[in-house]
């Protein structure tokens, strides 16, 4: 896959070097699990902390929404 450059907000989570979408998604999930951001009542929802909210734009997103929102931060 083609490596894409993350926006400054996304770079805080995944790093500044260009990455394929698959690696970006993997690193975001690593961040979510490390910071315990999955909704305990519904594991398909992610509760955004300040860093993740800068990328997602909302307090809570579904894992399906997440990929579309992250795509806006890749060039």
N, C-alpha and C. Protein backbone atom coordinates (compact mmCIF):
# COMPACT_ATOMS: atom_id res chain seq x y z
N UNK A 1 0.83 -1.20 0.00
CA UNK A 1 0.00 0.00 0.00
C UNK A 1 0.87 1.25 0.00
N UNK A 2 0.31 2.31 -0.54
CA UNK A 2 1.01 3.58 -0.62
C UNK A 2 1.13 4.23 0.76
N UNK A 3 2.31 4.74 1.08
CA UNK A 3 2.52 5.43 2.35
C UNK A 3 1.95 6.84 2.25
N UNK A 4 1.19 7.24 3.26
CA UNK A 4 0.55 8.55 3.30
C UNK A 4 1.06 9.33 4.51
N UNK A 5 1.16 10.64 4.35
CA UNK A 5 1.67 11.49 5.42
C UNK A 5 0.53 11.89 6.35
N UNK A 6 0.68 11.65 7.67
CA UNK A 6 -0.37 12.03 8.62
C UNK A 6 -0.37 13.53 8.90
N UNK A 7 -1.56 14.05 9.23
CA UNK A 7 -1.69 15.46 9.64
C UNK A 7 -0.98 15.64 10.99
N UNK A 8 -0.71 16.88 11.39
CA UNK A 8 -0.07 17.10 12.70
C UNK A 8 -0.85 16.50 13.87
N UNK A 9 -2.19 16.57 13.82
CA UNK A 9 -3.01 16.00 14.90
C UNK A 9 -2.87 14.48 14.95
N UNK A 10 -2.87 13.84 13.80
CA UNK A 10 -2.74 12.38 13.74
C UNK A 10 -1.31 11.95 14.06
N UNK A 11 -0.34 12.77 13.70
CA UNK A 11 1.08 12.45 13.92
C UNK A 11 1.39 12.29 15.41
N UNK A 12 0.62 12.96 16.28
CA UNK A 12 0.82 12.82 17.72
C UNK A 12 0.60 11.36 18.14
N UNK A 13 -0.30 10.67 17.46
CA UNK A 13 -0.64 9.28 17.79
C UNK A 13 0.22 8.28 17.04
N UNK A 14 0.40 8.50 15.72
CA UNK A 14 1.05 7.47 14.88
C UNK A 14 2.48 7.79 14.49
N UNK A 15 2.95 8.99 14.77
CA UNK A 15 4.30 9.39 14.35
C UNK A 15 4.24 10.23 13.08
N UNK A 16 5.34 10.87 12.75
CA UNK A 16 5.35 11.82 11.63
C UNK A 16 5.72 11.23 10.29
N UNK A 17 6.30 10.02 10.27
CA UNK A 17 6.72 9.45 8.99
C UNK A 17 5.52 8.93 8.20
N UNK A 18 5.59 8.96 6.86
CA UNK A 18 4.50 8.43 6.03
C UNK A 18 4.31 6.93 6.28
N UNK A 19 3.03 6.53 6.35
CA UNK A 19 2.67 5.14 6.65
C UNK A 19 1.52 4.69 5.74
N UNK A 20 1.44 3.38 5.46
CA UNK A 20 0.25 2.87 4.78
C UNK A 20 -0.95 2.94 5.71
N UNK A 21 -2.15 3.01 5.15
CA UNK A 21 -3.38 3.09 5.96
C UNK A 21 -3.47 1.94 6.98
N UNK A 22 -3.05 0.76 6.58
CA UNK A 22 -3.14 -0.39 7.48
C UNK A 22 -2.31 -0.18 8.74
N UNK A 23 -1.12 0.39 8.59
CA UNK A 23 -0.26 0.64 9.74
C UNK A 23 -0.82 1.78 10.59
N UNK A 24 -1.42 2.79 9.96
CA UNK A 24 -2.04 3.89 10.70
C UNK A 24 -3.16 3.33 11.59
N UNK A 25 -4.01 2.48 11.01
CA UNK A 25 -5.11 1.87 11.75
C UNK A 25 -4.58 1.03 12.91
N UNK A 26 -3.54 0.26 12.66
CA UNK A 26 -2.95 -0.58 13.72
C UNK A 26 -2.43 0.29 14.87
N UNK A 27 -1.75 1.37 14.54
CA UNK A 27 -1.20 2.24 15.60
C UNK A 27 -2.29 2.96 16.37
N UNK A 28 -3.37 3.33 15.70
CA UNK A 28 -4.49 3.96 16.41
C UNK A 28 -5.11 2.97 17.38
N UNK A 29 -5.30 1.71 16.95
CA UNK A 29 -5.84 0.70 17.84
C UNK A 29 -4.90 0.43 19.01
N UNK A 30 -3.61 0.44 18.76
CA UNK A 30 -2.63 0.29 19.85
C UNK A 30 -2.82 1.41 20.88
N UNK A 31 -3.00 2.64 20.38
CA UNK A 31 -3.20 3.80 21.25
C UNK A 31 -4.50 3.65 22.05
N UNK A 32 -5.58 3.23 21.37
CA UNK A 32 -6.88 3.06 22.02
C UNK A 32 -6.77 2.02 23.14
N UNK A 33 -6.13 0.90 22.87
CA UNK A 33 -6.00 -0.15 23.88
C UNK A 33 -5.07 0.26 25.02
N UNK A 34 -3.99 0.95 24.68
CA UNK A 34 -3.03 1.39 25.70
C UNK A 34 -3.68 2.37 26.68
N UNK A 35 -4.57 3.22 26.18
CA UNK A 35 -5.22 4.23 27.01
C UNK A 35 -6.62 3.81 27.47
N UNK A 36 -6.99 2.55 27.20
CA UNK A 36 -8.28 2.00 27.63
C UNK A 36 -9.46 2.88 27.19
N UNK A 37 -9.56 3.15 25.90
CA UNK A 37 -10.55 4.08 25.38
C UNK A 37 -11.77 3.41 24.75
N UNK A 38 -11.85 2.07 24.80
CA UNK A 38 -13.05 1.41 24.28
C UNK A 38 -14.16 1.55 25.32
N UNK A 39 -15.38 1.81 24.85
CA UNK A 39 -16.53 1.92 25.73
C UNK A 39 -16.79 0.54 26.35
N UNK A 40 -16.75 0.43 27.69
CA UNK A 40 -16.94 -0.88 28.32
C UNK A 40 -18.32 -1.49 28.03
N UNK A 41 -19.33 -0.65 27.82
CA UNK A 41 -20.69 -1.14 27.55
C UNK A 41 -20.84 -1.61 26.11
N UNK A 42 -20.07 -1.04 25.19
CA UNK A 42 -20.14 -1.40 23.77
C UNK A 42 -18.74 -1.27 23.18
N UNK A 43 -18.04 -2.37 23.07
CA UNK A 43 -16.63 -2.36 22.65
C UNK A 43 -16.42 -1.82 21.24
N UNK A 44 -17.50 -1.69 20.45
CA UNK A 44 -17.36 -1.15 19.10
C UNK A 44 -17.25 0.37 19.09
N UNK A 45 -17.49 0.99 20.23
CA UNK A 45 -17.39 2.45 20.34
C UNK A 45 -16.09 2.84 21.03
N UNK A 46 -15.51 3.93 20.55
CA UNK A 46 -14.26 4.43 21.11
C UNK A 46 -14.56 5.76 21.79
N UNK A 47 -14.16 5.87 23.05
CA UNK A 47 -14.30 7.11 23.81
C UNK A 47 -13.03 7.92 23.59
N UNK A 48 -13.15 9.09 23.01
CA UNK A 48 -11.98 9.88 22.62
C UNK A 48 -11.45 10.71 23.78
N UNK A 49 -10.15 10.61 24.03
CA UNK A 49 -9.49 11.55 24.94
C UNK A 49 -9.15 12.79 24.11
N UNK A 50 -8.50 13.79 24.71
CA UNK A 50 -8.21 15.04 24.01
C UNK A 50 -7.40 14.82 22.72
N UNK A 51 -6.41 13.93 22.79
CA UNK A 51 -5.55 13.68 21.63
C UNK A 51 -6.34 13.04 20.50
N UNK A 52 -7.13 12.05 20.81
CA UNK A 52 -7.92 11.36 19.79
C UNK A 52 -9.06 12.24 19.28
N UNK A 53 -9.61 13.07 20.16
CA UNK A 53 -10.69 13.97 19.75
C UNK A 53 -10.20 14.98 18.71
N UNK A 54 -8.92 15.36 18.78
CA UNK A 54 -8.35 16.28 17.78
C UNK A 54 -8.40 15.66 16.38
N UNK A 55 -8.35 14.35 16.30
CA UNK A 55 -8.43 13.64 15.01
C UNK A 55 -9.87 13.34 14.65
N UNK A 56 -10.64 12.82 15.59
CA UNK A 56 -12.00 12.35 15.31
C UNK A 56 -13.03 13.48 15.28
N UNK A 57 -12.82 14.51 16.09
CA UNK A 57 -13.75 15.63 16.12
C UNK A 57 -14.97 15.40 17.00
N UNK A 58 -15.05 14.26 17.69
CA UNK A 58 -16.19 13.95 18.55
C UNK A 58 -15.70 13.28 19.83
N UNK A 59 -16.59 13.20 20.83
CA UNK A 59 -16.25 12.54 22.10
C UNK A 59 -16.29 11.02 21.98
N UNK A 60 -17.14 10.51 21.07
CA UNK A 60 -17.27 9.06 20.91
C UNK A 60 -17.54 8.74 19.44
N UNK A 61 -16.86 7.73 18.93
CA UNK A 61 -17.05 7.30 17.54
C UNK A 61 -17.14 5.77 17.50
N UNK A 62 -17.79 5.26 16.45
CA UNK A 62 -17.79 3.81 16.26
C UNK A 62 -16.53 3.44 15.51
N UNK A 63 -16.15 2.17 15.57
CA UNK A 63 -14.93 1.78 14.85
C UNK A 63 -15.12 1.89 13.35
N UNK A 64 -16.37 1.88 12.87
CA UNK A 64 -16.63 2.02 11.44
C UNK A 64 -16.48 3.48 11.01
N UNK A 65 -16.94 4.41 11.85
CA UNK A 65 -16.75 5.84 11.59
C UNK A 65 -15.28 6.22 11.60
N UNK A 66 -14.54 5.59 12.50
CA UNK A 66 -13.14 5.93 12.73
C UNK A 66 -12.33 5.93 11.44
N UNK A 67 -12.48 4.90 10.60
CA UNK A 67 -11.66 4.82 9.39
C UNK A 67 -11.91 6.00 8.46
N UNK A 68 -13.16 6.42 8.32
CA UNK A 68 -13.47 7.57 7.47
C UNK A 68 -12.91 8.86 8.03
N UNK A 69 -13.01 9.03 9.35
CA UNK A 69 -12.50 10.24 9.98
C UNK A 69 -10.99 10.32 9.91
N UNK A 70 -10.32 9.18 10.06
CA UNK A 70 -8.85 9.14 9.99
C UNK A 70 -8.40 9.45 8.57
N UNK A 71 -9.14 8.98 7.57
CA UNK A 71 -8.79 9.22 6.17
C UNK A 71 -8.63 10.68 5.83
N UNK A 72 -9.38 11.54 6.51
CA UNK A 72 -9.28 12.99 6.28
C UNK A 72 -7.95 13.56 6.77
N UNK A 73 -7.24 12.81 7.58
CA UNK A 73 -5.97 13.26 8.15
C UNK A 73 -4.76 12.66 7.45
N UNK A 74 -4.99 12.01 6.31
CA UNK A 74 -3.88 11.40 5.54
C UNK A 74 -3.81 12.06 4.17
N UNK A 75 -2.56 12.38 3.77
CA UNK A 75 -2.38 13.00 2.45
C UNK A 75 -1.32 12.27 1.67
